[in-house]
């Protein structure tokens, strides 16, 4: 699978699933630039606001922008605030996705027993697709709901490991 340069996997993240099996998920470690423009008031619970192509974005939407620039379609799967598919946050939107991909997500959610835990970004291009989880270095970790969702996706729905990517990002100014 061809990823944009900044999202090219450079290693793996070992994740223990609830049934005590582990899986190694491809991982990228990009540096993102902090937004230095006009202050953004609504930060979705104090998310970092980053600069992508001269516009303020959360990491999830910035990752989506990088994928879009490489020819992918996709959405931020905002399962925290109402289970919406978003392509932007200011102004907030909720967009539909093709039924083929919505059905895939529904199958995983059904096996997982909840929408919680779904990776942040879902992208597709022709018959390829990828689930991307954004984690800020030293601030975030994989949660139990994500382990349960991964178990449902990988073991119950037979989605190959190459369809997942963890993006553990850091601010360019932080070392």
C-alpha atoms as a PDB file:
ATOM      1  CA  UNK A   1       0.000   0.000   0.000  1.00  0.00           C
ATOM      2  CA  UNK A   2       1.424   3.374  -0.976  1.00  0.00           C
ATOM      3  CA  UNK A   3       1.296   6.042   1.735  1.00  0.00           C
ATOM      4  CA  UNK A   4       2.268   9.708   1.507  1.00  0.00           C
ATOM      5  CA  UNK A   5       5.927  10.252   2.451  1.00  0.00           C
ATOM      6  CA  UNK A   6       5.090  11.663   5.903  1.00  0.00           C
ATOM      7  CA  UNK A   7       2.905   8.634   6.695  1.00  0.00           C
ATOM      8  CA  UNK A   8       5.218   5.932   5.393  1.00  0.00           C
ATOM      9  CA  UNK A   9       5.564   3.212   8.045  1.00  0.00           C
ATOM     10  CA  UNK A  10       8.993   3.064   9.654  1.00  0.00           C
ATOM     11  CA  UNK A  11       8.278   0.328  12.171  1.00  0.00           C
ATOM     12  CA  UNK A  12       5.564  -1.507  14.016  1.00  0.00           C
ATOM     13  CA  UNK A  13       3.530  -1.121  17.186  1.00  0.00           C
ATOM     14  CA  UNK A  14       2.901  -4.332  19.087  1.00  0.00           C
ATOM     15  CA  UNK A  15      -0.650  -4.391  20.375  1.00  0.00           C
ATOM     16  CA  UNK A  16      -1.968  -7.025  22.747  1.00  0.00           C
ATOM     17  CA  UNK A  17      -5.554  -7.885  21.895  1.00  0.00           C
ATOM     18  CA  UNK A  18      -8.119  -8.786  24.588  1.00  0.00           C
ATOM     19  CA  UNK A  19      -7.795 -12.505  23.881  1.00  0.00           C
ATOM     20  CA  UNK A  20      -4.063 -12.328  24.692  1.00  0.00           C
ATOM     21  CA  UNK A  21      -2.897 -12.472  21.096  1.00  0.00           C
ATOM     22  CA  UNK A  22      -0.748  -9.684  19.836  1.00  0.00           C
ATOM     23  CA  UNK A  23      -0.490  -8.065  16.462  1.00  0.00           C
ATOM     24  CA  UNK A  24       2.152  -5.764  15.045  1.00  0.00           C
ATOM     25  CA  UNK A  25       0.531  -2.791  13.339  1.00  0.00           C
ATOM     26  CA  UNK A  26       2.572  -0.667  10.891  1.00  0.00           C
ATOM     27  CA  UNK A  27       3.546   2.677  12.412  1.00  0.00           C
ATOM     28  CA  UNK A  28       4.666   6.054  11.067  1.00  0.00           C
ATOM     29  CA  UNK A  29       6.344   8.776  13.163  1.00  0.00           C
ATOM     30  CA  UNK A  30       5.846  12.146  11.441  1.00  0.00           C
ATOM     31  CA  UNK A  31       6.568  15.580  12.829  1.00  0.00           C
ATOM     32  CA  UNK A  32       3.719  18.068  12.465  1.00  0.00           C
ATOM     33  CA  UNK A  33       3.867  21.842  12.735  1.00  0.00           C
ATOM     34  CA  UNK A  34       1.852  23.654  15.409  1.00  0.00           C
ATOM     35  CA  UNK A  35      -0.715  26.176  14.159  1.00  0.00           C
ATOM     36  CA  UNK A  36       0.653  29.726  14.618  1.00  0.00           C
ATOM     37  CA  UNK A  37      -2.237  31.629  13.033  1.00  0.00           C
ATOM     38  CA  UNK A  38      -5.374  33.100  14.553  1.00  0.00           C
ATOM     39  CA  UNK A  39      -6.330  31.352  17.812  1.00  0.00           C
ATOM     40  CA  UNK A  40      -8.922  28.626  17.414  1.00  0.00           C
ATOM     41  CA  UNK A  41     -11.594  28.659  20.138  1.00  0.00           C
ATOM     42  CA  UNK A  42     -13.245  25.251  19.699  1.00  0.00           C
ATOM     43  CA  UNK A  43     -10.452  22.715  20.128  1.00  0.00           C
ATOM     44  CA  UNK A  44     -12.645  19.634  20.648  1.00  0.00           C
ATOM     45  CA  UNK A  45     -11.643  19.201  24.272  1.00  0.00           C
ATOM     46  CA  UNK A  46      -8.189  20.772  24.018  1.00  0.00           C
ATOM     47  CA  UNK A  47      -6.831  18.932  20.973  1.00  0.00           C
ATOM     48  CA  UNK A  48      -3.610  20.280  19.510  1.00  0.00           C
ATOM     49  CA  UNK A  49      -4.246  22.537  16.542  1.00  0.00           C
ATOM     50  CA  UNK A  50      -1.751  21.865  13.765  1.00  0.00           C
ATOM     51  CA  UNK A  51      -0.790  23.557  10.509  1.00  0.00           C
ATOM     52  CA  UNK A  52      -1.591  21.568   7.365  1.00  0.00           C
ATOM     53  CA  UNK A  53      -1.224  23.381   4.065  1.00  0.00           C
ATOM     54  CA  UNK A  54      -1.575  26.750   5.819  1.00  0.00           C
ATOM     55  CA  UNK A  55      -4.836  25.889   7.599  1.00  0.00           C
ATOM     56  CA  UNK A  56      -5.602  24.872  11.190  1.00  0.00           C
ATOM     57  CA  UNK A  57      -6.446  21.175  11.576  1.00  0.00           C
ATOM     58  CA  UNK A  58      -6.540  18.525  14.252  1.00  0.00           C
ATOM     59  CA  UNK A  59      -4.114  15.641  13.652  1.00  0.00           C
ATOM     60  CA  UNK A  60      -6.925  13.407  12.385  1.00  0.00           C
ATOM     61  CA  UNK A  61      -7.954  15.889   9.704  1.00  0.00           C
ATOM     62  CA  UNK A  62      -4.352  16.723   8.850  1.00  0.00           C
ATOM     63  CA  UNK A  63      -3.667  13.038   8.266  1.00  0.00           C
ATOM     64  CA  UNK A  64      -6.784  12.938   6.103  1.00  0.00           C
ATOM     65  CA  UNK A  65      -5.427  15.931   4.115  1.00  0.00           C
ATOM     66  CA  UNK A  66      -2.126  14.133   3.527  1.00  0.00           C
ATOM     67  CA  UNK A  67      -3.992  11.070   2.271  1.00  0.00           C
ATOM     68  CA  UNK A  68      -6.250  13.191   0.056  1.00  0.00           C
ATOM     69  CA  UNK A  69      -3.215  14.885  -1.503  1.00  0.00           C
ATOM     70  CA  UNK A  70      -2.049  11.376  -2.453  1.00  0.00           C
ATOM     71  CA  UNK A  71      -5.307  10.547  -4.215  1.00  0.00           C
ATOM     72  CA  UNK A  72      -7.236   8.862  -1.423  1.00  0.00           C
ATOM     73  CA  UNK A  73     -10.800   9.605  -0.317  1.00  0.00           C
ATOM     74  CA  UNK A  74     -11.632   9.439   3.342  1.00  0.00           C
ATOM     75  CA  UNK A  75     -13.144  10.722   6.543  1.00  0.00           C
ATOM     76  CA  UNK A  76     -12.384  11.362  10.178  1.00  0.00           C
ATOM     77  CA  UNK A  77     -14.499   8.795  12.031  1.00  0.00           C
ATOM     78  CA  UNK A  78     -15.692  10.983  14.900  1.00  0.00           C
ATOM     79  CA  UNK A  79     -17.093   8.281  17.156  1.00  0.00           C
ATOM     80  CA  UNK A  80     -16.766  10.502  20.228  1.00  0.00           C
ATOM     81  CA  UNK A  81     -19.295  13.137  19.171  1.00  0.00           C
ATOM     82  CA  UNK A  82     -22.214  11.282  17.695  1.00  0.00           C
ATOM     83  CA  UNK A  83     -20.562   8.789  15.374  1.00  0.00           C
ATOM     84  CA  UNK A  84     -20.176  11.171  12.466  1.00  0.00           C
ATOM     85  CA  UNK A  85     -17.985  11.015   9.405  1.00  0.00           C
ATOM     86  CA  UNK A  86     -16.222  14.350   9.002  1.00  0.00           C
ATOM     87  CA  UNK A  87     -14.010  15.955   6.388  1.00  0.00           C
ATOM     88  CA  UNK A  88     -13.698  19.254   8.271  1.00  0.00           C
ATOM     89  CA  UNK A  89     -14.294  20.677  11.725  1.00  0.00           C
ATOM     90  CA  UNK A  90     -14.538  24.437  11.216  1.00  0.00           C
ATOM     91  CA  UNK A  91     -17.379  24.549  10.248  1.00  0.00           C
ATOM     92  CA  UNK A  92     -18.414  21.156  11.552  1.00  0.00           C
ATOM     93  CA  UNK A  93     -19.720  18.771   8.945  1.00  0.00           C
ATOM     94  CA  UNK A  94     -21.127  15.282   8.716  1.00  0.00           C
ATOM     95  CA  UNK A  95     -20.784  13.540   5.376  1.00  0.00           C
ATOM     96  CA  UNK A  96     -21.983  10.220   3.988  1.00  0.00           C
ATOM     97  CA  UNK A  97     -19.527   7.593   2.800  1.00  0.00           C
ATOM     98  CA  UNK A  98     -20.063   5.031   0.044  1.00  0.00           C
ATOM     99  CA  UNK A  99     -22.273   2.165   1.214  1.00  0.00           C
ATOM    100  CA  UNK A 100     -19.523  -0.382   0.477  1.00  0.00           C
ATOM    101  CA  UNK A 101     -17.334   1.214   3.144  1.00  0.00           C
ATOM    102  CA  UNK A 102     -20.140   1.996   5.553  1.00  0.00           C
ATOM    103  CA  UNK A 103     -21.129  -1.688   5.438  1.00  0.00           C
ATOM    104  CA  UNK A 104     -17.550  -2.689   6.275  1.00  0.00           C
ATOM    105  CA  UNK A 105     -17.534  -0.358   9.286  1.00  0.00           C
ATOM    106  CA  UNK A 106     -20.955  -1.621  10.392  1.00  0.00           C
ATOM    107  CA  UNK A 107     -19.699  -5.231  10.256  1.00  0.00           C
ATOM    108  CA  UNK A 108     -16.748  -4.370  12.495  1.00  0.00           C
ATOM    109  CA  UNK A 109     -18.877  -2.346  14.923  1.00  0.00           C
ATOM    110  CA  UNK A 110     -21.370  -5.206  15.164  1.00  0.00           C
ATOM    111  CA  UNK A 111     -18.605  -7.725  15.966  1.00  0.00           C
ATOM    112  CA  UNK A 112     -16.997  -5.292  18.442  1.00  0.00           C
ATOM    113  CA  UNK A 113     -20.357  -4.601  20.104  1.00  0.00           C
ATOM    114  CA  UNK A 114     -19.883  -0.822  19.919  1.00  0.00           C
ATOM    115  CA  UNK A 115     -18.671   2.022  17.738  1.00  0.00           C
ATOM    116  CA  UNK A 116     -16.092   3.000  20.343  1.00  0.00           C
ATOM    117  CA  UNK A 117     -12.511   2.172  19.488  1.00  0.00           C
ATOM    118  CA  UNK A 118     -12.705   2.664  15.732  1.00  0.00           C
ATOM    119  CA  UNK A 119      -9.485   4.108  14.347  1.00  0.00           C
ATOM    120  CA  UNK A 120      -9.653   7.863  13.710  1.00  0.00           C
ATOM    121  CA  UNK A 121      -9.277   8.079   9.950  1.00  0.00           C
ATOM    122  CA  UNK A 122     -10.752   5.779   7.318  1.00  0.00           C
ATOM    123  CA  UNK A 123      -9.529   6.165   3.740  1.00  0.00           C
ATOM    124  CA  UNK A 124     -10.228   4.361   0.492  1.00  0.00           C
ATOM    125  CA  UNK A 125      -8.935   4.386  -3.058  1.00  0.00           C
ATOM    126  CA  UNK A 126     -10.451   2.034  -5.611  1.00  0.00           C
ATOM    127  CA  UNK A 127     -10.636  -1.319  -3.748  1.00  0.00           C
ATOM    128  CA  UNK A 128      -7.937  -0.429  -1.231  1.00  0.00           C
ATOM    129  CA  UNK A 129      -8.722   0.924   2.215  1.00  0.00           C
ATOM    130  CA  UNK A 130      -6.873   1.762   5.392  1.00  0.00           C
ATOM    131  CA  UNK A 131      -7.739   2.578   8.996  1.00  0.00           C
ATOM    132  CA  UNK A 132      -5.398   5.116  10.586  1.00  0.00           C
ATOM    133  CA  UNK A 133      -5.075   5.874  14.278  1.00  0.00           C
ATOM    134  CA  UNK A 134      -3.520   9.207  15.331  1.00  0.00           C
ATOM    135  CA  UNK A 135      -1.550   9.179  18.581  1.00  0.00           C
ATOM    136  CA  UNK A 136       0.547  12.036  19.897  1.00  0.00           C
ATOM    137  CA  UNK A 137       3.920  10.869  21.157  1.00  0.00           C
ATOM    138  CA  UNK A 138       4.010  10.693  24.983  1.00  0.00           C
ATOM    139  CA  UNK A 139       0.391  11.922  25.219  1.00  0.00           C
ATOM    140  CA  UNK A 140      -1.737   9.052  23.866  1.00  0.00           C
ATOM    141  CA  UNK A 141      -1.819   5.292  23.960  1.00  0.00           C
ATOM    142  CA  UNK A 142      -3.972   2.530  22.485  1.00  0.00           C
ATOM    143  CA  UNK A 143      -7.078   2.157  24.669  1.00  0.00           C
ATOM    144  CA  UNK A 144      -8.933  -1.028  25.614  1.00  0.00           C
ATOM    145  CA  UNK A 145     -11.851  -0.081  23.333  1.00  0.00           C
ATOM    146  CA  UNK A 146      -9.394   0.126  20.442  1.00  0.00           C
ATOM    147  CA  UNK A 147      -7.977  -3.291  21.272  1.00  0.00           C
ATOM    148  CA  UNK A 148     -11.500  -4.705  21.237  1.00  0.00           C
ATOM    149  CA  UNK A 149     -12.262  -2.965  17.925  1.00  0.00           C
ATOM    150  CA  UNK A 150      -8.997  -4.259  16.413  1.00  0.00           C
ATOM    151  CA  UNK A 151      -9.793  -7.772  17.570  1.00  0.00           C
ATOM    152  CA  UNK A 152     -13.192  -7.566  15.857  1.00  0.00           C
ATOM    153  CA  UNK A 153     -11.660  -6.162  12.669  1.00  0.00           C
ATOM    154  CA  UNK A 154      -8.658  -8.488  12.433  1.00  0.00           C
ATOM    155  CA  UNK A 155      -9.888 -11.750  13.894  1.00  0.00           C
ATOM    156  CA  UNK A 156     -13.655 -11.643  13.304  1.00  0.00           C
ATOM    157  CA  UNK A 157     -13.822  -9.700  10.025  1.00  0.00           C
ATOM    158  CA  UNK A 158     -10.473 -10.977   8.684  1.00  0.00           C
ATOM    159  CA  UNK A 159      -9.079  -7.574   7.777  1.00  0.00           C
ATOM    160  CA  UNK A 160      -5.344  -7.884   7.002  1.00  0.00           C
ATOM    161  CA  UNK A 161      -2.795  -6.044   9.142  1.00  0.00           C
ATOM    162  CA  UNK A 162      -1.636  -4.038   6.116  1.00  0.00           C
ATOM    163  CA  UNK A 163      -5.004  -2.211   6.272  1.00  0.00           C
ATOM    164  CA  UNK A 164      -4.077  -0.505   9.539  1.00  0.00           C
ATOM    165  CA  UNK A 165      -1.636   2.264  10.335  1.00  0.00           C
ATOM    166  CA  UNK A 166      -0.725   3.962  13.572  1.00  0.00           C
ATOM    167  CA  UNK A 167       0.543   7.511  13.165  1.00  0.00           C
ATOM    168  CA  UNK A 168       2.456   8.435  16.314  1.00  0.00           C
ATOM    169  CA  UNK A 169       3.110  12.110  15.666  1.00  0.00           C
ATOM    170  CA  UNK A 170       5.027  14.794  17.491  1.00  0.00           C
ATOM    171  CA  UNK A 171       5.317  18.552  17.166  1.00  0.00           C
ATOM    172  CA  UNK A 172       8.234  19.708  15.040  1.00  0.00           C
ATOM    173  CA  UNK A 173       9.314  22.068  17.850  1.00  0.00           C
ATOM    174  CA  UNK A 174       9.253  19.308  20.473  1.00  0.00           C
ATOM    175  CA  UNK A 175      12.080  16.801  20.707  1.00  0.00           C
END
